[in-house]
Protein backbone atom coordinates (compact mmCIF):
# COMPACT_ATOMS: atom_id res chain seq x y z
CA MET A 1 4.86 -22.03 -8.33
CA LYS A 2 1.10 -22.38 -8.80
CA LYS A 3 0.50 -19.76 -6.12
CA LEU A 4 2.79 -17.37 -7.88
CA ILE A 5 1.14 -17.90 -11.22
CA PHE A 6 -2.29 -17.40 -9.59
CA ILE A 7 -1.12 -14.06 -8.04
CA VAL A 8 0.33 -12.85 -11.36
CA LEU A 9 -2.95 -13.75 -13.11
CA LEU A 10 -4.94 -12.02 -10.39
CA TYR A 11 -2.82 -8.85 -10.78
CA CYS A 12 -3.29 -8.96 -14.52
CA ALA A 13 -7.05 -9.37 -14.17
CA ALA A 14 -7.27 -6.44 -11.77
CA ALA A 15 -5.24 -4.31 -14.05
CA ALA A 16 -7.52 -5.19 -16.94
CA VAL A 17 -10.66 -4.36 -14.87
CA PHE A 18 -9.25 -1.02 -13.76
CA TRP A 19 -8.18 -0.15 -17.32
CA TYR A 20 -11.63 -1.10 -18.81
CA TYR A 21 -13.49 0.86 -16.22
CA ARG A 22 -11.09 3.84 -15.98
CA VAL A 23 -13.53 6.40 -17.36
CA PRO A 24 -16.49 5.53 -15.14
CA VAL A 25 -14.23 5.31 -12.10
CA THR A 26 -12.77 8.71 -12.83
CA ASP A 27 -16.23 10.19 -13.25
CA TRP A 28 -17.33 8.58 -10.00
CA LEU A 29 -14.34 9.98 -8.16
CA GLN A 30 -15.25 13.53 -9.28
CA GLN A 31 -18.78 13.36 -7.84
CA ASP A 32 -19.48 15.05 -4.53
CA SER A 33 -21.49 12.38 -2.75
CA ALA A 34 -20.77 11.33 0.86
CA ARG A 35 -22.86 8.13 0.40
CA GLU A 36 -20.18 6.76 -1.85
CA LEU A 37 -17.48 7.05 0.78
CA PRO A 38 -17.50 3.25 1.60
CA LEU A 39 -16.97 2.42 -2.05
CA LEU A 40 -14.13 5.00 -2.28
CA ILE A 41 -12.54 3.46 0.81
CA LEU A 42 -12.79 -0.04 -0.58
CA ALA A 43 -11.31 1.11 -3.94
CA ALA A 44 -8.46 2.84 -2.12
CA ILE A 45 -7.63 -0.33 -0.20
CA ILE A 46 -7.75 -2.48 -3.33
CA ILE A 47 -5.63 -0.02 -5.21
CA SER A 48 -3.13 0.04 -2.44
CA CYS A 49 -2.79 -3.75 -2.53
CA VAL A 50 -2.59 -4.00 -6.30
CA PRO A 51 -0.02 -1.67 -7.87
CA VAL A 52 -2.06 -0.74 -10.88
CA ILE A 53 -2.66 2.90 -10.01
CA PRO A 54 0.06 4.75 -8.00
CA TYR A 55 -1.26 5.34 -4.46
CA PRO A 56 -0.13 8.96 -4.46
CA ALA A 57 -2.89 9.61 -6.97
CA VAL A 58 -5.40 8.12 -4.61
CA ALA A 59 -4.11 10.21 -1.73
CA GLY A 60 -4.46 13.31 -4.05
CA VAL A 61 -8.10 12.27 -4.79
CA PHE A 62 -8.84 12.08 -1.03
CA GLY A 63 -7.29 15.54 -0.58
CA ALA A 64 -9.17 16.99 -3.52
CA LYS A 65 -12.46 15.47 -2.47
CA PHE A 66 -12.39 15.90 1.33
CA GLY A 67 -9.74 18.54 2.08
CA LEU A 68 -6.35 18.20 3.77
CA LEU A 69 -7.06 16.73 7.18
CA PRO A 70 -10.04 14.49 6.44
CA GLY A 71 -8.33 13.41 3.21
CA LEU A 72 -5.09 12.64 5.03
CA GLY A 73 -7.06 10.62 7.62
CA TRP A 74 -8.86 8.50 5.01
CA SER A 75 -5.79 8.11 2.83
CA THR A 76 -3.60 7.05 5.78
CA ALA A 77 -6.30 4.68 7.14
CA CYS A 78 -6.82 2.99 3.70
CA SER A 79 -3.15 2.66 2.97
CA THR A 80 -2.39 1.26 6.40
CA VAL A 81 -5.37 -1.18 6.32
CA ALA A 82 -4.18 -2.45 2.92
CA ALA A 83 -0.56 -2.94 4.22
CA ILE A 84 -1.97 -4.92 7.23
CA VAL A 85 -4.22 -7.09 5.04
CA MET A 86 -1.38 -7.80 2.68
CA TYR A 87 1.07 -8.44 5.56
CA PHE A 88 -1.18 -11.03 7.16
CA ALA A 89 -2.16 -12.67 3.85
CA ILE A 90 1.48 -13.13 2.84
CA ARG A 91 2.46 -14.30 6.29
CA ARG A 92 -0.32 -16.83 6.27
CA PHE A 93 0.04 -18.19 2.73
CA PHE A 94 3.66 -17.53 1.56
CA GLN A 95 5.88 -17.35 4.57
CA THR A 96 7.40 -20.72 4.08
CA GLU A 97 8.20 -20.11 0.37
CA GLY A 98 9.43 -16.64 1.11
CA ARG A 99 11.84 -17.80 3.93
CA ALA A 100 13.25 -20.40 1.51
CA LEU A 101 13.79 -17.75 -1.08
CA LEU A 102 15.51 -15.38 1.35
CA ALA A 103 17.75 -18.26 2.55
CA SER A 104 18.75 -19.09 -1.02
CA THR A 105 21.70 -16.73 -1.11
CA ARG A 106 24.05 -15.71 1.54
CA TRP A 107 23.61 -12.01 0.93
CA THR A 108 19.81 -12.12 1.28
CA GLU A 109 20.10 -14.24 4.42
CA GLN A 110 22.59 -11.76 6.03
CA PHE A 111 20.41 -8.80 5.00
CA THR A 112 17.31 -10.44 6.48
CA ARG A 113 19.12 -11.11 9.83
CA ARG A 114 20.02 -7.37 10.00
CA VAL A 115 16.43 -6.37 9.18
CA GLU A 116 15.14 -8.67 11.89
CA ARG A 117 17.57 -7.19 14.41
CA TYR A 118 16.16 -3.66 13.85
CA PRO A 119 12.61 -4.29 12.55
CA PHE A 120 11.07 -0.98 13.37
CA TRP A 121 13.85 1.09 11.69
CA ALA A 122 13.98 -1.25 8.69
CA VAL A 123 10.28 -0.83 7.91
CA PHE A 124 10.20 2.81 8.85
CA LEU A 125 13.12 3.77 6.66
CA ALA A 126 11.88 1.63 3.74
CA ARG A 127 8.54 3.53 3.92
CA LEU A 128 10.38 6.85 3.72
CA ILE A 129 12.07 5.88 0.43
CA PRO A 130 9.67 7.28 -2.26
CA VAL A 131 10.62 4.70 -4.99
CA MET A 132 10.34 1.67 -2.68
CA PRO A 133 7.19 -0.20 -3.67
CA ALA A 134 4.84 -0.52 -0.69
CA GLN A 135 3.86 -4.05 -1.71
CA ALA A 136 7.55 -5.10 -1.57
CA VAL A 137 7.87 -3.74 1.97
CA ASN A 138 4.67 -5.50 3.00
CA SER A 139 5.80 -8.74 1.49
CA TYR A 140 9.34 -8.66 2.92
CA ALA A 141 8.10 -7.76 6.40
CA ALA A 142 5.60 -10.54 6.35
CA VAL A 143 8.16 -13.11 5.31
CA CYS A 144 10.75 -11.83 7.90
CA ARG A 145 10.19 -12.28 11.57
CA ILE A 146 8.96 -8.78 12.00
CA PRO A 147 6.24 -8.57 14.70
CA ALA A 148 2.89 -7.30 13.54
CA VAL A 149 2.68 -4.44 16.04
CA THR A 150 6.16 -3.22 15.00
CA PHE A 151 5.24 -3.46 11.32
CA ILE A 152 2.04 -1.58 11.81
CA THR A 153 3.52 1.21 13.84
CA ALA A 154 6.55 1.66 11.51
CA THR A 155 4.21 1.52 8.50
CA LEU A 156 1.91 4.19 9.87
CA LEU A 157 4.67 6.56 10.87
CA GLY A 158 6.70 5.89 7.75
CA LYS A 159 3.84 6.50 5.32
CA LEU A 160 2.74 9.86 6.92
CA PRO A 161 5.28 12.23 5.38
CA ALA A 162 4.62 11.23 1.82
CA LEU A 163 0.84 11.01 2.35
CA ILE A 164 0.83 14.53 3.80
CA VAL A 165 2.53 15.87 0.67
CA TYR A 166 0.23 13.97 -1.75
CA THR A 167 -2.94 14.80 0.14
CA LEU A 168 -1.92 18.47 0.36
CA ALA A 169 -1.22 18.47 -3.39
CA GLY A 170 -4.66 17.07 -4.02
CA ASP A 171 -6.23 19.60 -1.67
CA ARG A 172 -4.55 22.44 -3.40
CA LEU A 173 -5.52 21.09 -6.85
CA GLY A 174 -9.09 20.61 -5.62
CA HIS A 175 -9.20 24.30 -4.72
CA LEU A 176 -8.05 25.25 -8.21
CA LEU A 177 -10.76 23.24 -9.90
């Protein structure tokens, strides 16, 4: 329970920091400076892990700032790296508690067995559902016995369609500005 409270407090602190610095961050994202790319990448990875700002907005920023293909590459890389980091962190620190939670009801236990039987398709299809929170998919996959390579491959392929749309929208919006 202490870990859960710590995570909730961490999310709240991150949300407060992003809210407090929203104007400077927005101004920074609108600048055309390639030297700030590492900071933009770090911010995108953090935003992808902490659901404060919807990641489609970040993908749109990459599209507006760098164009369709480079923006898509950076957006996909950041989103996938964040998913991998979250997957391994949850697997390392919360797998025991997560497995106990999934085994607490018969329905979740049966569902988990089905997911573990078809791990690639489970993660891939979950990534294609636009309203499915990425953090929930990362967490569930980490707690289940889904191999890391399967998770990473399904995540990368499942995220691409939506990221193409969001990055393209950002690219088109960037051309209008």
